[in-house]
PDB file of N, CA and C in Angstrom:
ATOM      1  N   UNK A   1       1.046  -1.577   0.074  1.00  0.00           N
ATOM      2  CA  UNK A   1       0.355   0.201  -0.039  1.00  0.00           C
ATOM      3  C   UNK A   1       1.157   1.445   0.093  1.00  0.00           C
ATOM      4  N   UNK A   2       0.740   2.040  -0.448  1.00  0.00           N
ATOM      5  CA  UNK A   2       1.109   3.629  -1.046  1.00  0.00           C
ATOM      6  C   UNK A   2       0.884   4.631  -0.062  1.00  0.00           C
ATOM      7  N   UNK A   3       1.830   5.138   0.528  1.00  0.00           N
ATOM      8  CA  UNK A   3       1.474   6.249   1.087  1.00  0.00           C
ATOM      9  C   UNK A   3       0.803   7.575   0.230  1.00  0.00           C
ATOM     10  N   UNK A   4       0.940   7.361  -0.801  1.00  0.00           N
ATOM     11  CA  UNK A   4       0.326   9.112  -1.375  1.00  0.00           C
ATOM     12  C   UNK A   4      -1.113   8.832  -0.990  1.00  0.00           C
ATOM     13  N   UNK A   5      -1.078  10.049  -1.669  1.00  0.00           N
ATOM     14  CA  UNK A   5      -3.193  10.064  -1.086  1.00  0.00           C
ATOM     15  C   UNK A   5      -4.146   9.233  -2.626  1.00  0.00           C
ATOM     16  N   UNK A   6      -5.135   9.180  -2.431  1.00  0.00           N
ATOM     17  CA  UNK A   6      -5.960   8.857  -3.536  1.00  0.00           C
ATOM     18  C   UNK A   6      -5.549   9.938  -4.467  1.00  0.00           C
ATOM     19  N   UNK A   7      -5.237   8.857  -5.563  1.00  0.00           N
ATOM     20  CA  UNK A   7      -4.999  10.112  -7.253  1.00  0.00           C
ATOM     21  C   UNK A   7      -3.998  10.866  -7.212  1.00  0.00           C
ATOM     22  N   UNK A   8      -3.088  11.005  -6.558  1.00  0.00           N
ATOM     23  CA  UNK A   8      -1.903  11.568  -6.637  1.00  0.00           C
ATOM     24  C   UNK A   8      -0.662  10.731  -7.385  1.00  0.00           C
ATOM     25  N   UNK A   9      -0.117  11.458  -7.703  1.00  0.00           N
ATOM     26  CA  UNK A   9       0.672  11.202  -9.125  1.00  0.00           C
ATOM     27  C   UNK A   9       1.954  10.595  -8.902  1.00  0.00           C
ATOM     28  N   UNK A  10       2.447   9.393  -9.004  1.00  0.00           N
ATOM     29  CA  UNK A  10       3.564   8.898  -8.789  1.00  0.00           C
ATOM     30  C   UNK A  10       4.833   9.871  -9.207  1.00  0.00           C
ATOM     31  N   UNK A  11       6.226   9.987  -8.134  1.00  0.00           N
ATOM     32  CA  UNK A  11       6.967  11.429  -8.169  1.00  0.00           C
ATOM     33  C   UNK A  11       7.799  10.469  -9.824  1.00  0.00           C
ATOM     34  N   UNK A  12       8.335  11.179 -11.016  1.00  0.00           N
ATOM     35  CA  UNK A  12       9.486  10.829 -11.635  1.00  0.00           C
ATOM     36  C   UNK A  12      10.287  10.065 -10.495  1.00  0.00           C
ATOM     37  N   UNK A  13      10.737   9.202 -11.507  1.00  0.00           N
ATOM     38  CA  UNK A  13      11.938   8.677 -11.347  1.00  0.00           C
ATOM     39  C   UNK A  13      13.358   8.606 -11.524  1.00  0.00           C
ATOM     40  N   UNK A  14      14.382   9.144 -10.950  1.00  0.00           N
ATOM     41  CA  UNK A  14      15.290  10.415 -10.834  1.00  0.00           C
ATOM     42  C   UNK A  14      16.422   9.183 -11.717  1.00  0.00           C
ATOM     43  N   UNK A  15      16.612  10.478 -12.696  1.00  0.00           N
ATOM     44  CA  UNK A  15      17.674   9.477 -14.064  1.00  0.00           C
ATOM     45  C   UNK A  15      19.089   9.625 -13.593  1.00  0.00           C
ATOM     46  N   UNK A  16      19.981  10.543 -12.049  1.00  0.00           N
ATOM     47  CA  UNK A  16      21.194   9.950 -11.713  1.00  0.00           C
ATOM     48  C   UNK A  16      20.788   9.842  -9.904  1.00  0.00           C
ATOM     49  N   UNK A  17      22.031   9.346  -9.568  1.00  0.00           N
ATOM     50  CA  UNK A  17      22.416   9.493  -8.135  1.00  0.00           C
ATOM     51  C   UNK A  17      22.735  10.776  -7.684  1.00  0.00           C
ATOM     52  N   UNK A  18      22.091  11.161  -6.935  1.00  0.00           N
ATOM     53  CA  UNK A  18      23.097  12.147  -6.007  1.00  0.00           C
ATOM     54  C   UNK A  18      24.147  11.744  -4.893  1.00  0.00           C
ATOM     55  N   UNK A  19      25.409  11.814  -4.301  1.00  0.00           N
ATOM     56  CA  UNK A  19      26.258  11.264  -3.462  1.00  0.00           C
ATOM     57  C   UNK A  19      25.817  11.942  -2.712  1.00  0.00           C
ATOM     58  N   UNK A  20      26.443  11.081  -1.271  1.00  0.00           N
ATOM     59  CA  UNK A  20      26.177  11.952  -0.022  1.00  0.00           C
ATOM     60  C   UNK A  20      27.428  11.687   0.667  1.00  0.00           C
ATOM     61  N   UNK A  21      27.944  13.379   0.999  1.00  0.00           N
ATOM     62  CA  UNK A  21      28.816  13.805   1.420  1.00  0.00           C
ATOM     63  C   UNK A  21      28.831  13.619   3.225  1.00  0.00           C
ATOM     64  N   UNK A  22      29.833  13.440   3.699  1.00  0.00           N
ATOM     65  CA  UNK A  22      29.798  13.603   5.249  1.00  0.00           C
ATOM     66  C   UNK A  22      31.417  14.683   5.590  1.00  0.00           C
ATOM     67  N   UNK A  23      30.717  15.357   6.828  1.00  0.00           N
ATOM     68  CA  UNK A  23      31.721  16.035   6.967  1.00  0.00           C
ATOM     69  C   UNK A  23      33.098  15.459   8.111  1.00  0.00           C
ATOM     70  N   UNK A  24      33.949  15.289   7.728  1.00  0.00           N
ATOM     71  CA  UNK A  24      34.928  15.056   8.754  1.00  0.00           C
ATOM     72  C   UNK A  24      34.945  15.697   9.975  1.00  0.00           C
ATOM     73  N   UNK A  25      35.004  16.824  10.041  1.00  0.00           N
ATOM     74  CA  UNK A  25      34.095  17.491  11.600  1.00  0.00           C
ATOM     75  C   UNK A  25      33.005  18.170  11.705  1.00  0.00           C
ATOM     76  N   UNK A  26      32.428  18.296  12.221  1.00  0.00           N
ATOM     77  CA  UNK A  26      31.185  18.623  12.667  1.00  0.00           C
ATOM     78  C   UNK A  26      31.172  20.383  11.807  1.00  0.00           C
ATOM     79  N   UNK A  27      30.392  20.536  10.956  1.00  0.00           N
ATOM     80  CA  UNK A  27      30.263  21.514  10.598  1.00  0.00           C
ATOM     81  C   UNK A  27      29.388  23.016  11.296  1.00  0.00           C
ATOM     82  N   UNK A  28      29.511  24.103  11.878  1.00  0.00           N
ATOM     83  CA  UNK A  28      29.259  24.633  12.837  1.00  0.00           C
ATOM     84  C   UNK A  28      27.693  25.360  12.144  1.00  0.00           C
ATOM     85  N   UNK A  29      26.705  24.972  13.174  1.00  0.00           N
ATOM     86  CA  UNK A  29      25.552  25.206  12.097  1.00  0.00           C
ATOM     87  C   UNK A  29      24.649  26.908  13.250  1.00  0.00           C
ATOM     88  N   UNK A  30      24.270  27.588  12.726  1.00  0.00           N
ATOM     89  CA  UNK A  30      23.763  28.737  13.829  1.00  0.00           C
ATOM     90  C   UNK A  30      22.522  29.065  13.653  1.00  0.00           C
ATOM     91  N   UNK A  31      21.687  28.976  14.530  1.00  0.00           N
ATOM     92  CA  UNK A  31      20.657  29.137  15.115  1.00  0.00           C
ATOM     93  C   UNK A  31      20.165  30.851  14.422  1.00  0.00           C
ATOM     94  N   UNK A  32      18.592  30.073  14.468  1.00  0.00           N
ATOM     95  CA  UNK A  32      17.314  31.715  13.981  1.00  0.00           C
ATOM     96  C   UNK A  32      18.219  32.793  14.783  1.00  0.00           C
ATOM     97  N   UNK A  33      18.081  32.924  15.951  1.00  0.00           N
ATOM     98  CA  UNK A  33      18.131  33.510  16.918  1.00  0.00           C
ATOM     99  C   UNK A  33      19.653  34.250  17.028  1.00  0.00           C
ATOM    100  N   UNK A  34      20.682  33.157  16.658  1.00  0.00           N
ATOM    101  CA  UNK A  34      21.971  33.547  16.551  1.00  0.00           C
ATOM    102  C   UNK A  34      21.864  34.346  15.416  1.00  0.00           C
ATOM    103  N   UNK A  35      21.852  34.271  13.996  1.00  0.00           N
ATOM    104  CA  UNK A  35      21.994  34.883  13.215  1.00  0.00           C
ATOM    105  C   UNK A  35      20.932  36.012  13.383  1.00  0.00           C
ATOM    106  N   UNK A  36      19.702  36.380  13.623  1.00  0.00           N
ATOM    107  CA  UNK A  36      18.800  37.526  13.848  1.00  0.00           C
ATOM    108  C   UNK A  36      19.889  38.647  14.794  1.00  0.00           C
ATOM    109  N   UNK A  37      20.589  37.991  15.685  1.00  0.00           N
ATOM    110  CA  UNK A  37      20.777  39.032  16.391  1.00  0.00           C
ATOM    111  C   UNK A  37      22.688  39.358  16.070  1.00  0.00           C
ATOM    112  N   UNK A  38      23.115  38.524  15.366  1.00  0.00           N
ATOM    113  CA  UNK A  38      24.340  38.384  14.442  1.00  0.00           C
ATOM    114  C   UNK A  38      24.025  39.951  13.509  1.00  0.00           C
ATOM    115  N   UNK A  39      23.563  39.521  12.815  1.00  0.00           N
ATOM    116  CA  UNK A  39      22.851  40.838  11.507  1.00  0.00           C
ATOM    117  C   UNK A  39      22.018  41.542  11.549  1.00  0.00           C
ATOM    118  N   UNK A  40      20.888  41.886  13.323  1.00  0.00           N
ATOM    119  CA  UNK A  40      20.813  42.738  13.521  1.00  0.00           C
ATOM    120  C   UNK A  40      19.209  43.061  12.603  1.00  0.00           C
ATOM    121  N   UNK A  41      18.805  41.859  11.849  1.00  0.00           N
ATOM    122  CA  UNK A  41      17.695  41.585  11.049  1.00  0.00           C
ATOM    123  C   UNK A  41      16.501  40.509  11.742  1.00  0.00           C
ATOM    124  N   UNK A  42      15.295  41.325  12.316  1.00  0.00           N
ATOM    125  CA  UNK A  42      14.143  40.392  13.082  1.00  0.00           C
ATOM    126  C   UNK A  42      14.266  39.237  12.027  1.00  0.00           C
ATOM    127  N   UNK A  43      13.873  38.124  13.366  1.00  0.00           N
ATOM    128  CA  UNK A  43      13.988  36.824  12.992  1.00  0.00           C
ATOM    129  C   UNK A  43      12.525  36.386  11.903  1.00  0.00           C
ATOM    130  N   UNK A  44      11.583  36.864  11.886  1.00  0.00           N
ATOM    131  CA  UNK A  44      10.540  36.722  11.066  1.00  0.00           C
ATOM    132  C   UNK A  44      10.905  37.131  10.035  1.00  0.00           C
ATOM    133  N   UNK A  45      11.723  38.393   9.610  1.00  0.00           N
ATOM    134  CA  UNK A  45      12.331  38.907   8.483  1.00  0.00           C
ATOM    135  C   UNK A  45      13.088  37.340   7.517  1.00  0.00           C
ATOM    136  N   UNK A  46      14.043  37.383   8.584  1.00  0.00           N
ATOM    137  CA  UNK A  46      14.771  35.951   7.930  1.00  0.00           C
ATOM    138  C   UNK A  46      14.049  34.881   7.419  1.00  0.00           C
ATOM    139  N   UNK A  47      12.957  34.875   8.560  1.00  0.00           N
ATOM    140  CA  UNK A  47      12.540  33.355   8.186  1.00  0.00           C
ATOM    141  C   UNK A  47      11.741  33.515   6.908  1.00  0.00           C
ATOM    142  N   UNK A  48      11.317  35.036   6.512  1.00  0.00           N
ATOM    143  CA  UNK A  48      11.018  34.995   4.435  1.00  0.00           C
ATOM    144  C   UNK A  48      11.978  35.139   3.839  1.00  0.00           C
ATOM    145  N   UNK A  49      12.819  35.554   4.189  1.00  0.00           N
ATOM    146  CA  UNK A  49      14.316  35.459   3.532  1.00  0.00           C
ATOM    147  C   UNK A  49      14.616  33.757   2.943  1.00  0.00           C
ATOM    148  N   UNK A  50      14.146  33.194   3.502  1.00  0.00           N
ATOM    149  CA  UNK A  50      14.329  31.431   3.717  1.00  0.00           C
ATOM    150  C   UNK A  50      13.193  31.312   2.781  1.00  0.00           C
ATOM    151  N   UNK A  51      12.350  32.110   2.706  1.00  0.00           N
ATOM    152  CA  UNK A  51      10.977  30.813   1.874  1.00  0.00           C
ATOM    153  C   UNK A  51      10.790  31.448   0.781  1.00  0.00           C
ATOM    154  N   UNK A  52      11.806  32.698   0.395  1.00  0.00           N
ATOM    155  CA  UNK A  52      11.377  33.763  -0.893  1.00  0.00           C
ATOM    156  C   UNK A  52      13.252  32.885  -1.420  1.00  0.00           C
ATOM    157  N   UNK A  53      13.687  32.309  -0.830  1.00  0.00           N
ATOM    158  CA  UNK A  53      15.377  31.461  -1.558  1.00  0.00           C
ATOM    159  C   UNK A  53      16.354  32.651  -1.281  1.00  0.00           C
ATOM    160  N   UNK A  54      16.391  33.685  -0.878  1.00  0.00           N
ATOM    161  CA  UNK A  54      16.790  34.407  -0.411  1.00  0.00           C
ATOM    162  C   UNK A  54      18.610  34.419   0.316  1.00  0.00           C
ATOM    163  N   UNK A  55      18.230  33.642   1.376  1.00  0.00           N
ATOM    164  CA  UNK A  55      19.222  32.943   2.334  1.00  0.00           C
ATOM    165  C   UNK A  55      18.958  31.673   2.263  1.00  0.00           C
ATOM    166  N   UNK A  56      20.673  30.547   2.712  1.00  0.00           N
ATOM    167  CA  UNK A  56      19.893  29.683   2.276  1.00  0.00           C
ATOM    168  C   UNK A  56      19.849  28.904   4.297  1.00  0.00           C
ATOM    169  N   UNK A  57      19.053  27.619   3.984  1.00  0.00           N
ATOM    170  CA  UNK A  57      18.738  27.546   5.356  1.00  0.00           C
ATOM    171  C   UNK A  57      17.907  25.896   5.947  1.00  0.00           C
ATOM    172  N   UNK A  58      18.677  25.495   6.553  1.00  0.00           N
ATOM    173  CA  UNK A  58      18.472  23.701   6.788  1.00  0.00           C
ATOM    174  C   UNK A  58      17.854  23.492   7.952  1.00  0.00           C
ATOM    175  N   UNK A  59      17.130  22.101   8.001  1.00  0.00           N
ATOM    176  CA  UNK A  59      16.678  22.372   9.264  1.00  0.00           C
ATOM    177  C   UNK A  59      16.740  20.816  10.563  1.00  0.00           C
ATOM    178  N   UNK A  60      17.184  21.550  11.309  1.00  0.00           N
ATOM    179  CA  UNK A  60      17.942  20.185  12.494  1.00  0.00           C
ATOM    180  C   UNK A  60      16.640  19.330  12.307  1.00  0.00           C
ATOM    181  N   UNK A  61      17.142  18.184  13.734  1.00  0.00           N
ATOM    182  CA  UNK A  61      16.344  17.077  13.907  1.00  0.00           C
ATOM    183  C   UNK A  61      14.742  17.460  14.479  1.00  0.00           C
ATOM    184  N   UNK A  62      15.087  18.980  14.593  1.00  0.00           N
ATOM    185  CA  UNK A  62      13.823  19.229  15.594  1.00  0.00           C
ATOM    186  C   UNK A  62      12.749  20.017  14.845  1.00  0.00           C
ATOM    187  N   UNK A  63      13.683  20.164  13.258  1.00  0.00           N
ATOM    188  CA  UNK A  63      12.821  21.041  12.529  1.00  0.00           C
ATOM    189  C   UNK A  63      12.797  22.692  12.802  1.00  0.00           C
ATOM    190  N   UNK A  64      13.925  23.331  13.937  1.00  0.00           N
ATOM    191  CA  UNK A  64      14.697  24.442  13.209  1.00  0.00           C
ATOM    192  C   UNK A  64      15.152  24.362  12.621  1.00  0.00           C
ATOM    193  N   UNK A  65      15.069  26.123  12.386  1.00  0.00           N
ATOM    194  CA  UNK A  65      15.756  26.847  10.984  1.00  0.00           C
ATOM    195  C   UNK A  65      17.515  26.340  11.835  1.00  0.00           C
ATOM    196  N   UNK A  66      18.254  26.247  10.941  1.00  0.00           N
ATOM    197  CA  UNK A  66      19.889  26.221  10.808  1.00  0.00           C
ATOM    198  C   UNK A  66      20.702  27.089  10.026  1.00  0.00           C
ATOM    199  N   UNK A  67      21.115  27.562   9.911  1.00  0.00           N
ATOM    200  CA  UNK A  67      21.979  28.622   9.090  1.00  0.00           C
ATOM    201  C   UNK A  67      23.445  28.323   8.852  1.00  0.00           C
ATOM    202  N   UNK A  68      24.512  28.136   7.546  1.00  0.00           N
ATOM    203  CA  UNK A  68      25.793  28.571   7.798  1.00  0.00           C
ATOM    204  C   UNK A  68      26.277  29.733   8.774  1.00  0.00           C
ATOM    205  N   UNK A  69      27.624  29.378   8.906  1.00  0.00           N
ATOM    206  CA  UNK A  69      28.125  30.767   9.444  1.00  0.00           C
ATOM    207  C   UNK A  69      28.333  31.662   8.788  1.00  0.00           C
ATOM    208  N   UNK A  70      27.934  31.774   6.952  1.00  0.00           N
ATOM    209  CA  UNK A  70      28.368  32.997   5.806  1.00  0.00           C
ATOM    210  C   UNK A  70      26.574  33.136   6.702  1.00  0.00           C
ATOM    211  N   UNK A  71      25.688  32.666   6.815  1.00  0.00           N
ATOM    212  CA  UNK A  71      24.022  33.647   6.342  1.00  0.00           C
ATOM    213  C   UNK A  71      24.209  35.427   6.784  1.00  0.00           C
ATOM    214  N   UNK A  72      24.695  35.931   7.953  1.00  0.00           N
ATOM    215  CA  UNK A  72      24.601  36.818   8.581  1.00  0.00           C
ATOM    216  C   UNK A  72      25.306  37.745   6.902  1.00  0.00           C
ATOM    217  N   UNK A  73      26.564  37.234   6.849  1.00  0.00           N
ATOM    218  CA  UNK A  73      26.785  38.082   5.840  1.00  0.00           C
ATOM    219  C   UNK A  73      26.005  37.992   4.391  1.00  0.00           C
ATOM    220  N   UNK A  74      25.192  36.830   4.298  1.00  0.00           N
ATOM    221  CA  UNK A  74      24.625  36.901   2.978  1.00  0.00           C
ATOM    222  C   UNK A  74      23.052  37.697   3.567  1.00  0.00           C
ATOM    223  N   UNK A  75      22.685  37.980   4.682  1.00  0.00           N
ATOM    224  CA  UNK A  75      21.951  38.908   5.261  1.00  0.00           C
ATOM    225  C   UNK A  75      22.003  40.190   4.601  1.00  0.00           C
ATOM    226  N   UNK A  76      23.085  41.079   5.049  1.00  0.00           N
ATOM    227  CA  UNK A  76      23.559  41.643   4.630  1.00  0.00           C
ATOM    228  C   UNK A  76      23.559  42.214   3.328  1.00  0.00           C
ATOM    229  N   UNK A  77      24.341  41.532   2.579  1.00  0.00           N
ATOM    230  CA  UNK A  77      24.203  41.353   1.388  1.00  0.00           C
ATOM    231  C   UNK A  77      22.585  41.793   0.450  1.00  0.00           C
ATOM    232  N   UNK A  78      21.493  40.967   1.542  1.00  0.00           N
ATOM    233  CA  UNK A  78      20.272  41.390   0.872  1.00  0.00           C
ATOM    234  C   UNK A  78      19.796  42.379   0.776  1.00  0.00           C
ATOM    235  N   UNK A  79      20.154  43.101   2.368  1.00  0.00           N
ATOM    236  CA  UNK A  79      19.606  44.132   2.559  1.00  0.00           C
ATOM    237  C   UNK A  79      20.252  45.067   2.135  1.00  0.00           C
ATOM    238  N   UNK A  80      21.992  45.034   1.599  1.00  0.00           N
ATOM    239  CA  UNK A  80      22.723  46.241   0.647  1.00  0.00           C
ATOM    240  C   UNK A  80      21.394  46.227  -0.588  1.00  0.00           C
ATOM    241  N   UNK A  81      21.098  45.740  -1.255  1.00  0.00           N
ATOM    242  CA  UNK A  81      20.830  45.015  -2.785  1.00  0.00           C
ATOM    243  C   UNK A  81      19.571  45.911  -2.211  1.00  0.00           C
ATOM    244  N   UNK A  82      18.138  46.052  -1.721  1.00  0.00           N
ATOM    245  CA  UNK A  82      17.138  45.824  -1.395  1.00  0.00           C
ATOM    246  C   UNK A  82      17.717  47.902  -1.010  1.00  0.00           C
ATOM    247  N   UNK A  83      18.054  48.432   0.053  1.00  0.00           N
ATOM    248  CA  UNK A  83      17.980  49.441   0.001  1.00  0.00           C
ATOM    249  C   UNK A  83      19.156  50.448  -1.017  1.00  0.00           C
ATOM    250  N   UNK A  84      19.975  49.622  -1.233  1.00  0.00           N
ATOM    251  CA  UNK A  84      21.264  50.584  -2.265  1.00  0.00           C
ATOM    252  C   UNK A  84      20.639  50.613  -3.384  1.00  0.00           C
ATOM    253  N   UNK A  85      19.737  49.789  -4.019  1.00  0.00           N
ATOM    254  CA  UNK A  85      19.070  49.704  -5.242  1.00  0.00           C
ATOM    255  C   UNK A  85      17.548  50.023  -5.233  1.00  0.00           C
ATOM    256  N   UNK A  86      17.091  50.020  -3.811  1.00  0.00           N
ATOM    257  CA  UNK A  86      15.345  50.157  -4.537  1.00  0.00           C
ATOM    258  C   UNK A  86      15.137  49.155  -4.864  1.00  0.00           C
ATOM    259  N   UNK A  87      14.804  48.222  -4.616  1.00  0.00           N
ATOM    260  CA  UNK A  87      14.841  46.509  -4.947  1.00  0.00           C
ATOM    261  C   UNK A  87      13.664  46.217  -4.557  1.00  0.00           C
ATOM    262  N   UNK A  88      12.491  45.238  -4.940  1.00  0.00           N
ATOM    263  CA  UNK A  88      11.547  44.123  -4.240  1.00  0.00           C
ATOM    264  C   UNK A  88      12.755  42.976  -4.106  1.00  0.00           C
ATOM    265  N   UNK A  89      12.346  41.804  -3.343  1.00  0.00           N
ATOM    266  CA  UNK A  89      13.028  40.954  -2.794  1.00  0.00           C
ATOM    267  C   UNK A  89      12.939  40.011  -3.931  1.00  0.00           C
ATOM    268  N   UNK A  90      11.588  40.305  -4.870  1.00  0.00           N
ATOM    269  CA  UNK A  90      11.942  38.857  -6.354  1.00  0.00           C
ATOM    270  C   UNK A  90      12.938  39.327  -7.378  1.00  0.00           C
ATOM    271  N   UNK A  91      13.273  40.818  -7.421  1.00  0.00           N
ATOM    272  CA  UNK A  91      14.597  41.457  -7.955  1.00  0.00           C
ATOM    273  C   UNK A  91      15.537  41.481  -7.119  1.00  0.00           C
ATOM    274  N   UNK A  92      15.832  41.467  -6.078  1.00  0.00           N
ATOM    275  CA  UNK A  92      16.890  40.706  -4.871  1.00  0.00           C
ATOM    276  C   UNK A  92      17.795  39.320  -5.792  1.00  0.00           C
ATOM    277  N   UNK A  93      16.255  38.569  -5.384  1.00  0.00           N
ATOM    278  CA  UNK A  93      16.993  37.083  -6.017  1.00  0.00           C
ATOM    279  C   UNK A  93      16.925  37.439  -7.087  1.00  0.00           C
ATOM    280  N   UNK A  94      16.480  37.848  -8.323  1.00  0.00           N
ATOM    281  CA  UNK A  94      17.472  37.709  -9.504  1.00  0.00           C
ATOM    282  C   UNK A  94      18.617  37.775  -9.340  1.00  0.00           C
ATOM    283  N   UNK A  95      19.048  39.573  -9.180  1.00  0.00           N
ATOM    284  CA  UNK A  95      20.389  40.050  -8.435  1.00  0.00           C
ATOM    285  C   UNK A  95      21.146  39.256  -8.382  1.00  0.00           C
ATOM    286  N   UNK A  96      20.901  38.328  -7.165  1.00  0.00           N
ATOM    287  CA  UNK A  96      21.857  37.477  -6.222  1.00  0.00           C
ATOM    288  C   UNK A  96      22.273  36.443  -7.517  1.00  0.00           C
ATOM    289  N   UNK A  97      21.145  36.402  -7.968  1.00  0.00           N
ATOM    290  CA  UNK A  97      21.786  34.639  -9.007  1.00  0.00           C
ATOM    291  C   UNK A  97      22.514  35.114 -10.366  1.00  0.00           C
ATOM    292  N   UNK A  98      22.487  36.349 -10.519  1.00  0.00           N
ATOM    293  CA  UNK A  98      23.430  36.793 -11.767  1.00  0.00           C
ATOM    294  C   UNK A  98      24.777  37.565 -11.109  1.00  0.00           C
ATOM    295  N   UNK A  99      24.596  37.910  -9.983  1.00  0.00           N
ATOM    296  CA  UNK A  99      26.548  37.997  -9.123  1.00  0.00           C
ATOM    297  C   UNK A  99      26.743  36.775  -8.510  1.00  0.00           C
ATOM    298  N   UNK A 100      25.667  36.070  -8.227  1.00  0.00           N
ATOM    299  CA  UNK A 100      26.725  34.543  -8.563  1.00  0.00           C
ATOM    300  C   UNK A 100      27.220  33.938  -9.965  1.00  0.00           C
ATOM    301  N   UNK A 101      26.553  33.954 -10.581  1.00  0.00           N
ATOM    302  CA  UNK A 101      26.839  33.659 -11.851  1.00  0.00           C
ATOM    303  C   UNK A 101      28.108  34.525 -12.498  1.00  0.00           C
ATOM    304  N   UNK A 102      28.461  35.552 -12.266  1.00  0.00           N
ATOM    305  CA  UNK A 102      29.416  36.454 -12.794  1.00  0.00           C
ATOM    306  C   UNK A 102      30.805  35.828 -11.985  1.00  0.00           C
ATOM    307  N   UNK A 103      30.302  36.247 -10.233  1.00  0.00           N
ATOM    308  CA  UNK A 103      31.523  35.337 -10.296  1.00  0.00           C
ATOM    309  C   UNK A 103      32.143  33.830 -10.415  1.00  0.00           C
ATOM    310  N   UNK A 104      31.425  32.816 -10.745  1.00  0.00           N
ATOM    311  CA  UNK A 104      31.799  31.693 -11.537  1.00  0.00           C
ATOM    312  C   UNK A 104      32.013  32.241 -12.645  1.00  0.00           C
ATOM    313  N   UNK A 105      31.814  32.354 -13.433  1.00  0.00           N
ATOM    314  CA  UNK A 105      32.562  33.374 -14.574  1.00  0.00           C
ATOM    315  C   UNK A 105      33.196  34.284 -14.678  1.00  0.00           C
ATOM    316  N   UNK A 106      33.641  34.799 -13.998  1.00  0.00           N
ATOM    317  CA  UNK A 106      35.019  34.858 -13.027  1.00  0.00           C
ATOM    318  C   UNK A 106      36.647  34.325 -13.283  1.00  0.00           C
ATOM    319  N   UNK A 107      36.149  33.344 -12.284  1.00  0.00           N
ATOM    320  CA  UNK A 107      36.995  32.274 -11.502  1.00  0.00           C
ATOM    321  C   UNK A 107      37.492  31.140 -12.800  1.00  0.00           C
ATOM    322  N   UNK A 108      36.282  30.894 -13.566  1.00  0.00           N
ATOM    323  CA  UNK A 108      36.546  30.094 -14.627  1.00  0.00           C
ATOM    324  C   UNK A 108      37.872  31.097 -15.697  1.00  0.00           C
ATOM    325  N   UNK A 109      37.226  32.105 -15.895  1.00  0.00           N
ATOM    326  CA  UNK A 109      38.666  32.365 -16.555  1.00  0.00           C
ATOM    327  C   UNK A 109      40.113  32.625 -15.990  1.00  0.00           C
ATOM    328  N   UNK A 110      39.945  33.045 -14.975  1.00  0.00           N
ATOM    329  CA  UNK A 110      41.128  33.101 -14.026  1.00  0.00           C
ATOM    330  C   UNK A 110      41.854  31.863 -14.204  1.00  0.00           C
ATOM    331  N   UNK A 111      40.763  30.569 -13.939  1.00  0.00           N
ATOM    332  CA  UNK A 111      41.881  29.452 -13.836  1.00  0.00           C
ATOM    333  C   UNK A 111      42.224  29.129 -15.716  1.00  0.00           C
ATOM    334  N   UNK A 112      41.096  29.923 -16.462  1.00  0.00           N
ATOM    335  CA  UNK A 112      42.037  29.801 -18.074  1.00  0.00           C
ATOM    336  C   UNK A 112      43.040  30.369 -18.192  1.00  0.00           C
ATOM    337  N   UNK A 113      43.152  31.401 -17.190  1.00  0.00           N
ATOM    338  CA  UNK A 113      44.499  32.101 -17.122  1.00  0.00           C
ATOM    339  C   UNK A 113      44.146  33.468 -18.281  1.00  0.00           C
ATOM    340  N   UNK A 114      42.636  33.803 -18.700  1.00  0.00           N
ATOM    341  CA  UNK A 114      42.057  34.592 -19.571  1.00  0.00           C
ATOM    342  C   UNK A 114      41.944  36.197 -18.621  1.00  0.00           C
ATOM    343  N   UNK A 115      42.132  37.110 -18.622  1.00  0.00           N
ATOM    344  CA  UNK A 115      42.272  38.469 -17.935  1.00  0.00           C
ATOM    345  C   UNK A 115      40.759  39.034 -18.531  1.00  0.00           C
ATOM    346  N   UNK A 116      39.769  39.237 -17.623  1.00  0.00           N
ATOM    347  CA  UNK A 116      38.478  39.950 -17.605  1.00  0.00           C
ATOM    348  C   UNK A 116      38.646  41.539 -17.696  1.00  0.00           C
ATOM    349  N   UNK A 117      39.772  42.021 -17.322  1.00  0.00           N
ATOM    350  CA  UNK A 117      40.018  43.392 -16.885  1.00  0.00           C
ATOM    351  C   UNK A 117      40.559  44.614 -17.795  1.00  0.00           C
ATOM    352  N   UNK A 118      40.734  43.588 -19.522  1.00  0.00           N
ATOM    353  CA  UNK A 118      41.049  44.417 -20.687  1.00  0.00           C
ATOM    354  C   UNK A 118      39.743  45.141 -21.013  1.00  0.00           C
ATOM    355  N   UNK A 119      39.937  46.350 -21.741  1.00  0.00           N
ATOM    356  CA  UNK A 119      39.362  46.801 -22.339  1.00  0.00           C
ATOM    357  C   UNK A 119      38.664  46.315 -23.253  1.00  0.00           C
ATOM    358  N   UNK A 120      36.927  46.589 -23.276  1.00  0.00           N
ATOM    359  CA  UNK A 120      36.761  45.853 -24.106  1.00  0.00           C
ATOM    360  C   UNK A 120      36.510  46.469 -25.814  1.00  0.00           C
ATOM    361  N   UNK A 121      36.624  45.489 -26.626  1.00  0.00           N
ATOM    362  CA  UNK A 121      36.872  45.786 -27.803  1.00  0.00           C
ATOM    363  C   UNK A 121      35.759  46.911 -28.990  1.00  0.00           C
ATOM    364  N   UNK A 122      34.550  46.966 -28.575  1.00  0.00           N
ATOM    365  CA  UNK A 122      34.193  48.416 -28.962  1.00  0.00           C
ATOM    366  C   UNK A 122      34.483  49.689 -28.235  1.00  0.00           C
TER     367      UNK A 122
END
């Protein structure tokens, strides 16, 4: 007997498996309260940022949000984009994605030995 509700479609089979990674040493995680205190952002606003996908978070065994040590810096980045560029939160998400993509492309250029600081050809 299946755990699915009546009428629910079965999930698609995955075409590839994702390997499990184990940390050699425990990775420190920050609680919601700690992140709020360190960043100066209200916990409810942090929950909204997590729901919007602007800040990454996991859940611990009891279901509480836990964050990576870099979360306060990520929150500061969101706040700077929001206030400095007068963007709404949907736009902030797009800008964050684009900035991350630019960082990846610049890193690939550096690995390839190409300088990205050359003047444009136009």
